[in-house]
Full PDB file with SEQRES, HELIX, SHEET, SSBOND, CRYST1, ORIGX, SCALE, CONECT and MASTER records, all heavy atoms in Angstrom:
SEQRES   1 A   31  ILE ILE GLY LEU THR SER PRO GLU THR VAL TYR HIS GLU          
SEQRES   2 A   31  ALA LEU LYS ASN PHE GLU VAL ILE LEU LEU LEU ILE PHE          
SEQRES   3 A   31  MET VAL ALA GLY ILE                                          
HELIX    1 AA1 PRO A    7  LYS A   16  1                                  10    
HELIX    2 AA2 PHE A   18  LEU A   22  1                                   5    
HELIX    3 AA3 LEU A   23  MET A   27  3                                   5    
HELIX    4 AA4 VAL A   28  GLY A   30  1                                   3    
CRYST1    1.000    1.000    1.000  90.00  90.00  90.00 P 1           1          
ORIGX1      1.000000  0.000000  0.000000        0.00000                         
ORIGX2      0.000000  1.000000  0.000000        0.00000                         
ORIGX3      0.000000  0.000000  1.000000        0.00000                         
SCALE1      1.000000  0.000000  0.000000        0.00000                         
SCALE2      0.000000  1.000000  0.000000        0.00000                         
SCALE3      0.000000  0.000000  1.000000        0.00000                         
ATOM      1  N   ILE A   1      -5.204  -1.024  16.821  1.00  0.00           N  
ATOM      2  CA  ILE A   1      -6.228  -0.903  17.865  1.00  0.00           C  
ATOM      3  C   ILE A   1      -5.594  -0.463  19.177  1.00  0.00           C  
ATOM      4  O   ILE A   1      -6.131   0.437  19.910  1.00  0.00           O  
ATOM      5  CB  ILE A   1      -6.930  -2.224  18.090  1.00  0.00           C  
ATOM      6  CG1 ILE A   1      -7.865  -2.552  16.887  1.00  0.00           C  
ATOM      7  CG2 ILE A   1      -7.823  -2.218  19.417  1.00  0.00           C  
ATOM      8  CD1 ILE A   1      -8.571  -3.898  16.933  1.00  0.00           C  
ATOM      9  N   ILE A   2      -4.415  -0.994  19.552  1.00  0.00           N  
ATOM     10  CA  ILE A   2      -3.777  -0.696  20.857  1.00  0.00           C  
ATOM     11  C   ILE A   2      -2.905   0.592  20.761  1.00  0.00           C  
ATOM     12  O   ILE A   2      -2.287   0.992  21.793  1.00  0.00           O  
ATOM     13  CB  ILE A   2      -2.960  -1.852  21.412  1.00  0.00           C  
ATOM     14  CG1 ILE A   2      -1.782  -2.138  20.432  1.00  0.00           C  
ATOM     15  CG2 ILE A   2      -3.797  -3.038  21.616  1.00  0.00           C  
ATOM     16  CD1 ILE A   2      -0.878  -3.262  20.944  1.00  0.00           C  
ATOM     17  N   GLY A   3      -2.887   1.194  19.542  1.00  0.00           N  
ATOM     18  CA  GLY A   3      -2.222   2.514  19.503  1.00  0.00           C  
ATOM     19  C   GLY A   3      -0.751   2.542  19.105  1.00  0.00           C  
ATOM     20  O   GLY A   3      -0.050   3.512  19.233  1.00  0.00           O  
ATOM     21  N   LEU A   4      -0.242   1.457  18.568  1.00  0.00           N  
ATOM     22  CA  LEU A   4       1.152   1.372  18.167  1.00  0.00           C  
ATOM     23  C   LEU A   4       1.332   2.243  16.872  1.00  0.00           C  
ATOM     24  O   LEU A   4       2.401   2.692  16.548  1.00  0.00           O  
ATOM     25  CB  LEU A   4       1.651  -0.031  17.945  1.00  0.00           C  
ATOM     26  CG  LEU A   4       1.925  -0.826  19.180  1.00  0.00           C  
ATOM     27  CD1 LEU A   4       2.220  -2.282  18.880  1.00  0.00           C  
ATOM     28  CD2 LEU A   4       3.032  -0.208  20.002  1.00  0.00           C  
ATOM     29  N   THR A   5       0.303   2.298  16.087  1.00  0.00           N  
ATOM     30  CA  THR A   5       0.293   3.197  14.906  1.00  0.00           C  
ATOM     31  C   THR A   5      -1.138   3.647  14.731  1.00  0.00           C  
ATOM     32  O   THR A   5      -2.050   3.279  15.480  1.00  0.00           O  
ATOM     33  CB  THR A   5       0.866   2.489  13.672  1.00  0.00           C  
ATOM     34  OG1 THR A   5       0.908   3.418  12.579  1.00  0.00           O  
ATOM     35  CG2 THR A   5       0.005   1.308  13.237  1.00  0.00           C  
ATOM     36  N   SER A   6      -1.410   4.408  13.596  1.00  0.00           N  
ATOM     37  CA  SER A   6      -2.771   4.844  13.359  1.00  0.00           C  
ATOM     38  C   SER A   6      -3.229   4.465  11.951  1.00  0.00           C  
ATOM     39  O   SER A   6      -2.361   4.265  11.042  1.00  0.00           O  
ATOM     40  CB  SER A   6      -2.827   6.373  13.472  1.00  0.00           C  
ATOM     41  OG  SER A   6      -2.010   6.995  12.498  1.00  0.00           O  
ATOM     42  N   PRO A   7      -4.493   4.457  11.684  1.00  0.00           N  
ATOM     43  CA  PRO A   7      -4.943   4.129  10.352  1.00  0.00           C  
ATOM     44  C   PRO A   7      -4.457   5.167   9.332  1.00  0.00           C  
ATOM     45  O   PRO A   7      -4.219   4.828   8.164  1.00  0.00           O  
ATOM     46  CB  PRO A   7      -6.537   4.280  10.464  1.00  0.00           C  
ATOM     47  CG  PRO A   7      -6.792   3.946  11.904  1.00  0.00           C  
ATOM     48  CD  PRO A   7      -5.613   4.526  12.648  1.00  0.00           C  
ATOM     49  N   GLU A   8      -4.274   6.417   9.750  1.00  0.00           N  
ATOM     50  CA  GLU A   8      -3.751   7.428   8.802  1.00  0.00           C  
ATOM     51  C   GLU A   8      -2.366   7.151   8.384  1.00  0.00           C  
ATOM     52  O   GLU A   8      -2.031   7.364   7.181  1.00  0.00           O  
ATOM     53  CB  GLU A   8      -3.875   8.805   9.463  1.00  0.00           C  
ATOM     54  CG  GLU A   8      -5.291   9.366   9.713  1.00  0.00           C  
ATOM     55  CD  GLU A   8      -5.957   8.684  10.935  1.00  0.00           C  
ATOM     56  OE1 GLU A   8      -5.275   8.054  11.748  1.00  0.00           O  
ATOM     57  OE2 GLU A   8      -7.172   8.758  11.004  1.00  0.00           O  
ATOM     58  N   THR A   9      -1.559   6.713   9.363  1.00  0.00           N  
ATOM     59  CA  THR A   9      -0.154   6.386   8.968  1.00  0.00           C  
ATOM     60  C   THR A   9      -0.060   5.202   8.069  1.00  0.00           C  
ATOM     61  O   THR A   9       0.703   5.159   7.100  1.00  0.00           O  
ATOM     62  CB  THR A   9       0.666   6.084  10.266  1.00  0.00           C  
ATOM     63  OG1 THR A   9       0.476   7.162  11.140  1.00  0.00           O  
ATOM     64  CG2 THR A   9       2.156   5.977   9.946  1.00  0.00           C  
ATOM     65  N   VAL A  10      -0.875   4.194   8.299  1.00  0.00           N  
ATOM     66  CA  VAL A  10      -0.896   3.008   7.427  1.00  0.00           C  
ATOM     67  C   VAL A  10      -1.289   3.428   6.021  1.00  0.00           C  
ATOM     68  O   VAL A  10      -0.725   2.966   5.038  1.00  0.00           O  
ATOM     69  CB  VAL A  10      -1.882   1.939   8.007  1.00  0.00           C  
ATOM     70  CG1 VAL A  10      -2.029   0.812   6.992  1.00  0.00           C  
ATOM     71  CG2 VAL A  10      -1.465   1.447   9.399  1.00  0.00           C  
ATOM     72  N   TYR A  11      -2.355   4.275   5.939  1.00  0.00           N  
ATOM     73  CA  TYR A  11      -2.815   4.750   4.635  1.00  0.00           C  
ATOM     74  C   TYR A  11      -1.749   5.519   3.944  1.00  0.00           C  
ATOM     75  O   TYR A  11      -1.490   5.422   2.735  1.00  0.00           O  
ATOM     76  CB  TYR A  11      -4.049   5.630   4.809  1.00  0.00           C  
ATOM     77  CG  TYR A  11      -4.505   6.255   3.529  1.00  0.00           C  
ATOM     78  CD1 TYR A  11      -5.222   5.478   2.537  1.00  0.00           C  
ATOM     79  CD2 TYR A  11      -4.319   7.579   3.270  1.00  0.00           C  
ATOM     80  CE1 TYR A  11      -5.615   6.029   1.293  1.00  0.00           C  
ATOM     81  CE2 TYR A  11      -4.740   8.139   2.042  1.00  0.00           C  
ATOM     82  CZ  TYR A  11      -5.395   7.382   1.117  1.00  0.00           C  
ATOM     83  OH  TYR A  11      -5.835   7.997  -0.109  1.00  0.00           O  
ATOM     84  N   HIS A  12      -1.028   6.397   4.691  1.00  0.00           N  
ATOM     85  CA  HIS A  12       0.104   7.180   4.163  1.00  0.00           C  
ATOM     86  C   HIS A  12       1.181   6.270   3.603  1.00  0.00           C  
ATOM     87  O   HIS A  12       1.660   6.544   2.461  1.00  0.00           O  
ATOM     88  CB  HIS A  12       0.653   8.116   5.229  1.00  0.00           C  
ATOM     89  CG  HIS A  12       1.891   8.851   4.719  1.00  0.00           C  
ATOM     90  ND1 HIS A  12       1.861   9.859   3.814  1.00  0.00           N  
ATOM     91  CD2 HIS A  12       3.155   8.601   5.093  1.00  0.00           C  
ATOM     92  CE1 HIS A  12       3.124  10.294   3.610  1.00  0.00           C  
ATOM     93  NE2 HIS A  12       3.924   9.609   4.370  1.00  0.00           N  
ATOM     94  N   GLU A  13       1.535   5.299   4.275  1.00  0.00           N  
ATOM     95  CA  GLU A  13       2.598   4.285   3.901  1.00  0.00           C  
ATOM     96  C   GLU A  13       2.092   3.557   2.545  1.00  0.00           C  
ATOM     97  O   GLU A  13       2.941   3.439   1.615  1.00  0.00           O  
ATOM     98  CB  GLU A  13       2.904   3.256   4.925  1.00  0.00           C  
ATOM     99  CG  GLU A  13       3.638   3.789   6.090  1.00  0.00           C  
ATOM    100  CD  GLU A  13       5.045   4.245   5.817  1.00  0.00           C  
ATOM    101  OE1 GLU A  13       5.620   3.680   4.825  1.00  0.00           O  
ATOM    102  OE2 GLU A  13       5.551   5.137   6.410  1.00  0.00           O  
ATOM    103  N   ALA A  14       0.831   3.171   2.511  1.00  0.00           N  
ATOM    104  CA  ALA A  14       0.321   2.484   1.300  1.00  0.00           C  
ATOM    105  C   ALA A  14       0.303   3.475   0.168  1.00  0.00           C  
ATOM    106  O   ALA A  14       0.640   3.089  -0.992  1.00  0.00           O  
ATOM    107  CB  ALA A  14      -1.043   1.891   1.574  1.00  0.00           C  
ATOM    108  N   LEU A  15      -0.096   4.705   0.401  1.00  0.00           N  
ATOM    109  CA  LEU A  15      -0.209   5.670  -0.692  1.00  0.00           C  
ATOM    110  C   LEU A  15       1.138   6.026  -1.271  1.00  0.00           C  
ATOM    111  O   LEU A  15       1.345   6.177  -2.422  1.00  0.00           O  
ATOM    112  CB  LEU A  15      -0.904   6.929  -0.152  1.00  0.00           C  
ATOM    113  CG  LEU A  15      -1.234   8.017  -1.169  1.00  0.00           C  
ATOM    114  CD1 LEU A  15      -2.235   7.513  -2.230  1.00  0.00           C  
ATOM    115  CD2 LEU A  15      -1.848   9.248  -0.449  1.00  0.00           C  
ATOM    116  N   LYS A  16       2.092   6.143  -0.326  1.00  0.00           N  
ATOM    117  CA  LYS A  16       3.518   6.401  -0.756  1.00  0.00           C  
ATOM    118  C   LYS A  16       4.095   5.376  -1.663  1.00  0.00           C  
ATOM    119  O   LYS A  16       4.925   5.647  -2.537  1.00  0.00           O  
ATOM    120  CB  LYS A  16       4.379   6.602   0.517  1.00  0.00           C  
ATOM    121  CG  LYS A  16       5.753   7.065   0.247  1.00  0.00           C  
ATOM    122  CD  LYS A  16       6.567   7.286   1.520  1.00  0.00           C  
ATOM    123  CE  LYS A  16       6.847   6.043   2.271  1.00  0.00           C  
ATOM    124  NZ  LYS A  16       7.744   6.251   3.462  1.00  0.00           N  
ATOM    125  N   ASN A  17       3.641   4.153  -1.464  1.00  0.00           N  
ATOM    126  CA  ASN A  17       4.181   3.003  -2.287  1.00  0.00           C  
ATOM    127  C   ASN A  17       3.067   2.525  -3.309  1.00  0.00           C  
ATOM    128  O   ASN A  17       3.083   1.324  -3.668  1.00  0.00           O  
ATOM    129  CB  ASN A  17       4.513   1.899  -1.278  1.00  0.00           C  
ATOM    130  CG  ASN A  17       5.706   2.274  -0.410  1.00  0.00           C  
ATOM    131  OD1 ASN A  17       6.826   2.381  -0.903  1.00  0.00           O  
ATOM    132  ND2 ASN A  17       5.466   2.414   0.868  1.00  0.00           N  
ATOM    133  N   PHE A  18       2.266   3.419  -3.674  1.00  0.00           N  
ATOM    134  CA  PHE A  18       1.131   3.034  -4.595  1.00  0.00           C  
ATOM    135  C   PHE A  18       1.654   2.459  -5.907  1.00  0.00           C  
ATOM    136  O   PHE A  18       1.022   1.570  -6.462  1.00  0.00           O  
ATOM    137  CB  PHE A  18       0.318   4.287  -4.892  1.00  0.00           C  
ATOM    138  CG  PHE A  18      -0.906   3.967  -5.739  1.00  0.00           C  
ATOM    139  CD1 PHE A  18      -1.932   3.022  -5.292  1.00  0.00           C  
ATOM    140  CD2 PHE A  18      -1.061   4.552  -7.004  1.00  0.00           C  
ATOM    141  CE1 PHE A  18      -3.026   2.750  -6.097  1.00  0.00           C  
ATOM    142  CE2 PHE A  18      -2.172   4.275  -7.778  1.00  0.00           C  
ATOM    143  CZ  PHE A  18      -3.107   3.373  -7.384  1.00  0.00           C  
ATOM    144  N   GLU A  19       2.797   2.930  -6.377  1.00  0.00           N  
ATOM    145  CA  GLU A  19       3.385   2.435  -7.674  1.00  0.00           C  
ATOM    146  C   GLU A  19       3.721   0.962  -7.484  1.00  0.00           C  
ATOM    147  O   GLU A  19       3.602   0.176  -8.486  1.00  0.00           O  
ATOM    148  CB  GLU A  19       4.685   3.238  -8.043  1.00  0.00           C  
ATOM    149  CG  GLU A  19       5.086   2.920  -9.399  1.00  0.00           C  
ATOM    150  CD  GLU A  19       6.281   3.782  -9.917  1.00  0.00           C  
ATOM    151  OE1 GLU A  19       6.729   4.567  -9.079  1.00  0.00           O  
ATOM    152  OE2 GLU A  19       6.679   3.598 -11.082  1.00  0.00           O  
ATOM    153  N   VAL A  20       4.175   0.529  -6.277  1.00  0.00           N  
ATOM    154  CA  VAL A  20       4.520  -0.851  -6.076  1.00  0.00           C  
ATOM    155  C   VAL A  20       3.229  -1.700  -6.114  1.00  0.00           C  
ATOM    156  O   VAL A  20       3.143  -2.837  -6.661  1.00  0.00           O  
ATOM    157  CB  VAL A  20       5.233  -1.094  -4.729  1.00  0.00           C  
ATOM    158  CG1 VAL A  20       5.622  -2.522  -4.566  1.00  0.00           C  
ATOM    159  CG2 VAL A  20       6.474  -0.140  -4.694  1.00  0.00           C  
ATOM    160  N   ILE A  21       2.174  -1.166  -5.499  1.00  0.00           N  
ATOM    161  CA  ILE A  21       0.918  -1.854  -5.547  1.00  0.00           C  
ATOM    162  C   ILE A  21       0.358  -2.074  -6.906  1.00  0.00           C  
ATOM    163  O   ILE A  21      -0.116  -3.049  -7.346  1.00  0.00           O  
ATOM    164  CB  ILE A  21      -0.132  -1.111  -4.604  1.00  0.00           C  
ATOM    165  CG1 ILE A  21       0.335  -1.143  -3.131  1.00  0.00           C  
ATOM    166  CG2 ILE A  21      -1.562  -1.679  -4.762  1.00  0.00           C  
ATOM    167  CD1 ILE A  21      -0.496  -0.256  -2.247  1.00  0.00           C  
ATOM    168  N   LEU A  22       0.483  -0.997  -7.743  1.00  0.00           N  
ATOM    169  CA  LEU A  22       0.106  -1.058  -9.128  1.00  0.00           C  
ATOM    170  C   LEU A  22       0.885  -2.136  -9.927  1.00  0.00           C  
ATOM    171  O   LEU A  22       0.430  -2.868 -10.684  1.00  0.00           O  
ATOM    172  CB  LEU A  22       0.249   0.304  -9.832  1.00  0.00           C  
ATOM    173  CG  LEU A  22      -0.868   1.324  -9.619  1.00  0.00           C  
ATOM    174  CD1 LEU A  22      -0.550   2.568 -10.479  1.00  0.00           C  
ATOM    175  CD2 LEU A  22      -2.239   0.748 -10.036  1.00  0.00           C  
ATOM    176  N   LEU A  23       2.196  -2.203  -9.562  1.00  0.00           N  
ATOM    177  CA  LEU A  23       3.087  -3.183 -10.194  1.00  0.00           C  
ATOM    178  C   LEU A  23       2.498  -4.616  -9.948  1.00  0.00           C  
ATOM    179  O   LEU A  23       2.307  -5.409 -10.834  1.00  0.00           O  
ATOM    180  CB  LEU A  23       4.452  -3.044  -9.665  1.00  0.00           C  
ATOM    181  CG  LEU A  23       5.370  -4.324  -9.838  1.00  0.00           C  
ATOM    182  CD1 LEU A  23       5.795  -4.361 -11.304  1.00  0.00           C  
ATOM    183  CD2 LEU A  23       6.563  -4.210  -8.928  1.00  0.00           C  
ATOM    184  N   LEU A  24       2.184  -4.888  -8.686  1.00  0.00           N  
ATOM    185  CA  LEU A  24       1.764  -6.193  -8.333  1.00  0.00           C  
ATOM    186  C   LEU A  24       0.352  -6.531  -8.939  1.00  0.00           C  
ATOM    187  O   LEU A  24       0.148  -7.620  -9.412  1.00  0.00           O  
ATOM    188  CB  LEU A  24       1.629  -6.363  -6.822  1.00  0.00           C  
ATOM    189  CG  LEU A  24       2.963  -6.425  -6.050  1.00  0.00           C  
ATOM    190  CD1 LEU A  24       2.791  -6.346  -4.593  1.00  0.00           C  
ATOM    191  CD2 LEU A  24       3.667  -7.686  -6.424  1.00  0.00           C  
ATOM    192  N   ILE A  25      -0.489  -5.549  -8.959  1.00  0.00           N  
ATOM    193  CA  ILE A  25      -1.797  -5.790  -9.497  1.00  0.00           C  
ATOM    194  C   ILE A  25      -1.783  -5.954 -11.048  1.00  0.00           C  
ATOM    195  O   ILE A  25      -2.325  -7.029 -11.584  1.00  0.00           O  
ATOM    196  CB  ILE A  25      -2.801  -4.667  -9.184  1.00  0.00           C  
ATOM    197  CG1 ILE A  25      -2.986  -4.591  -7.675  1.00  0.00           C  
ATOM    198  CG2 ILE A  25      -4.136  -4.845  -9.867  1.00  0.00           C  
ATOM    199  CD1 ILE A  25      -3.865  -3.399  -7.216  1.00  0.00           C  
ATOM    200  N   PHE A  26      -1.192  -5.076 -11.718  1.00  0.00           N  
ATOM    201  CA  PHE A  26      -1.366  -5.076 -13.193  1.00  0.00           C  
ATOM    202  C   PHE A  26      -0.180  -5.796 -13.919  1.00  0.00           C  
ATOM    203  O   PHE A  26      -0.433  -6.471 -14.949  1.00  0.00           O  
ATOM    204  CB  PHE A  26      -1.381  -3.593 -13.736  1.00  0.00           C  
ATOM    205  CG  PHE A  26      -2.681  -2.969 -13.383  1.00  0.00           C  
ATOM    206  CD1 PHE A  26      -2.710  -1.673 -12.791  1.00  0.00           C  
ATOM    207  CD2 PHE A  26      -3.917  -3.545 -13.576  1.00  0.00           C  
ATOM    208  CE1 PHE A  26      -3.875  -1.025 -12.486  1.00  0.00           C  
ATOM    209  CE2 PHE A  26      -5.066  -2.924 -13.226  1.00  0.00           C  
ATOM    210  CZ  PHE A  26      -5.088  -1.649 -12.684  1.00  0.00           C  
ATOM    211  N   MET A  27       1.073  -5.679 -13.380  1.00  0.00           N  
ATOM    212  CA  MET A  27       2.156  -6.343 -14.121  1.00  0.00           C  
ATOM    213  C   MET A  27       2.017  -7.851 -14.032  1.00  0.00           C  
ATOM    214  O   MET A  27       2.210  -8.585 -14.974  1.00  0.00           O  
ATOM    215  CB  MET A  27       3.482  -5.849 -13.618  1.00  0.00           C  
ATOM    216  CG  MET A  27       4.706  -6.362 -14.367  1.00  0.00           C  
ATOM    217  SD  MET A  27       4.655  -5.875 -16.131  1.00  0.00           S  
ATOM    218  CE  MET A  27       5.354  -4.171 -15.950  1.00  0.00           C  
ATOM    219  N   VAL A  28       1.780  -8.348 -12.814  1.00  0.00           N  
ATOM    220  CA  VAL A  28       1.643  -9.810 -12.639  1.00  0.00           C  
ATOM    221  C   VAL A  28       0.459 -10.318 -13.462  1.00  0.00           C  
ATOM    222  O   VAL A  28       0.571 -11.392 -14.087  1.00  0.00           O  
ATOM    223  CB  VAL A  28       1.401 -10.104 -11.118  1.00  0.00           C  
ATOM    224  CG1 VAL A  28       1.133 -11.672 -10.934  1.00  0.00           C  
ATOM    225  CG2 VAL A  28       2.641  -9.770 -10.346  1.00  0.00           C  
ATOM    226  N   ALA A  29      -0.673  -9.560 -13.456  1.00  0.00           N  
ATOM    227  CA  ALA A  29      -1.798 -10.007 -14.253  1.00  0.00           C  
ATOM    228  C   ALA A  29      -1.478  -9.960 -15.785  1.00  0.00           C  
ATOM    229  O   ALA A  29      -1.862 -10.817 -16.537  1.00  0.00           O  
ATOM    230  CB  ALA A  29      -3.024  -9.098 -13.947  1.00  0.00           C  
ATOM    231  N   GLY A  30      -0.732  -8.924 -16.176  1.00  0.00           N  
ATOM    232  CA  GLY A  30      -0.405  -8.835 -17.562  1.00  0.00           C  
ATOM    233  C   GLY A  30       0.478  -9.974 -18.056  1.00  0.00           C  
ATOM    234  O   GLY A  30       0.239 -10.576 -19.170  1.00  0.00           O  
ATOM    235  N   ILE A  31       1.444 -10.384 -17.230  1.00  0.00           N  
ATOM    236  CA  ILE A  31       2.254 -11.524 -17.653  1.00  0.00           C  
ATOM    237  C   ILE A  31       1.502 -12.835 -17.651  1.00  0.00           C  
ATOM    238  O   ILE A  31       1.883 -13.749 -18.399  1.00  0.00           O  
ATOM    239  CB  ILE A  31       3.488 -11.596 -16.665  1.00  0.00           C  
ATOM    240  CG1 ILE A  31       4.228 -10.329 -16.563  1.00  0.00           C  
ATOM    241  CG2 ILE A  31       4.495 -12.710 -17.028  1.00  0.00           C  
ATOM    242  CD1 ILE A  31       4.598  -9.696 -17.887  1.00  0.00           C  
TER     243      ILE A  31                                                      
MASTER        0    0    0    4    0    0    0    6  242    1    0    3          
END                                                                             
């Protein structure tokens, strides 16, 4: 909100690490 970063940059960081997000969602649930 105060401009230290932007929603686009946050989205880019999350998208870049999407494989890690998939790991947490599916691997943990699988185990």
